Amino acid sequence: MGAVVAQVWQALTSFLLAVAAARLLGATGLGTFSLCLGVIVLATAVVSGMVGDSLVILDRHDRSVRGGLVGWTLILSAATMVGSAVVLGATGALTVPEAVVFGAALAAFVLESILRRVFMAGLFFWRLVLVDGAGLVLTLVVIVVAALTSHASLFSFFLALLVGQAVATVVGIVLLEPAERHLAPVNRHGLAVVARLGVWRGAQVSIPPLVLTGMRVVVIAAAGAAVLGQVEAARIFAAPALLVVQGFGSYLLSTYSRDKRLGLPVLTRRATRAALALAGVAVLGAVALALLVPVLGPLLVGPAVGVDALAVLGWGLYVAGTATCQPFASLAAVHGQQVRVFLCRCVDGAVALAALSLLLLTTPASVVWTPFVLAGGLFLGGVLVRLFALRPALRRVPDLHGVESVPEPAVAPSPVTELAEVRGGSAATREVRRAG
């Protein structure tokens, strides 16, 4: 529950900003702002996958590894800041001042996302509520001030993101455990160790936001920014359910790494139960939200932006597709199958974008089916990960008759316990020995 609340609270900033943009900037402004938010999500996903997942899976207390984590955080935050500002400014998507403040906001997002992963690695999810709450309050303060002074614009929205993330970073550093606050010098060995795991993991987790960014580009090219704003307005309805799924995903990755000794068969059954439960809840929630569109639509996005109930249902299925794919992809990555997972996700992402491009370029009026096409890609990805990433790994691991190992005690065992283990161990331990 702490993981879910932390994820919802952190992403509540993006949700409220999208609602505010719909009301203050109109459909065209919402479309441009959503495109920029997609860039932020993509960049933070890459960095969080490469550095954050490495921080969870590897021994971050090792001085060499910690130096590698620090080095890649600095490199990637600088690269995303400069690259995003140059590209968005040069293409005319943003003005030069907007591009500059957006690049700074993106760098602040990247640094804060790594700080969040430190709390996740230690399972201190409730502290994240305080961190993200501080950032949310400052972000909203800047937006309210801009709205009251009639200066609401893309620039003010990006400035709000920058201020909020900077404050959240400061609060997070204060709440860190003392052992987590120290840094280590950057070194080649640490950079190489992090890169071996992180490059593939970062590439893998970047696929979903990259597909969403590609979707936005395709929709704008086929139907315009105003139509993209309507698609994004429908996505706002499904955002809370997606946050719950992502929050459980963060928790599951940490527990898969912590409980790796239980064995892949046991953890695969755990992932299956989680995927089915999350997908079922997502589908039921999508149906309920689609029925409530006439009531909630004017409240969330205002009367100026139309919301299609069918599109809302499609985004709900997109959440269900995420739930059927994410637990298995995380489990496979923990067990060293990150390359296979990346290839599977590349296939399902390419298929989804190709199908969407073909659909919209031939029949632009069918834009309401956009989330259904993306959801189909995710369901395909879940099947591919289970077939080509988890199944080969399961064949190499014996299933100990479905018996979960007894968890290790939280404190060091007493001499009497150690002597008992030497003389034969517990019944569960003896059963595991007989099985393997």
Foldseek 3Di string as FASTA:
>chain_A
DLLLLLLCLLCVLVLVLLLVCLVQVNLLSSLLVVLLVLLLVLLLLLLCQLLLLCPQQPPCLPQQLLLLSVVSLVVSLVCQLVVQLCVCCVVVSDPNLLSNLLSLLSSLSNLLSSLQSLCLSVPVSNLSSVLSVQLSVQLVVQQVVCVVVVNDDSSSNSNSSNVSSVSSNVSSLVPDDPSPNDGHHHDPVNNVVSCVQRNLRSLLSSLVSVLVSLLSVLLCVQPRSSVSSQLVLLLSQLVSLLSSLVSVLSNLLSVCSVQVVQDLVLLVVVLVVQLVVSLVVLQVSLVVSLVCCVPCVCVRSRPSHDYHSLLNNLSSLLSSLCSLARNLQSNLSSVPQSNQLSVLSVVLSVQLSVVSNVVCNVPVVVVSCNSNSNSVSSNSSSVSSVVRRSVVVVVVTDDLVNDGADDDDPDDDDPVQVVCVVVPHDPSVNSSVVSD
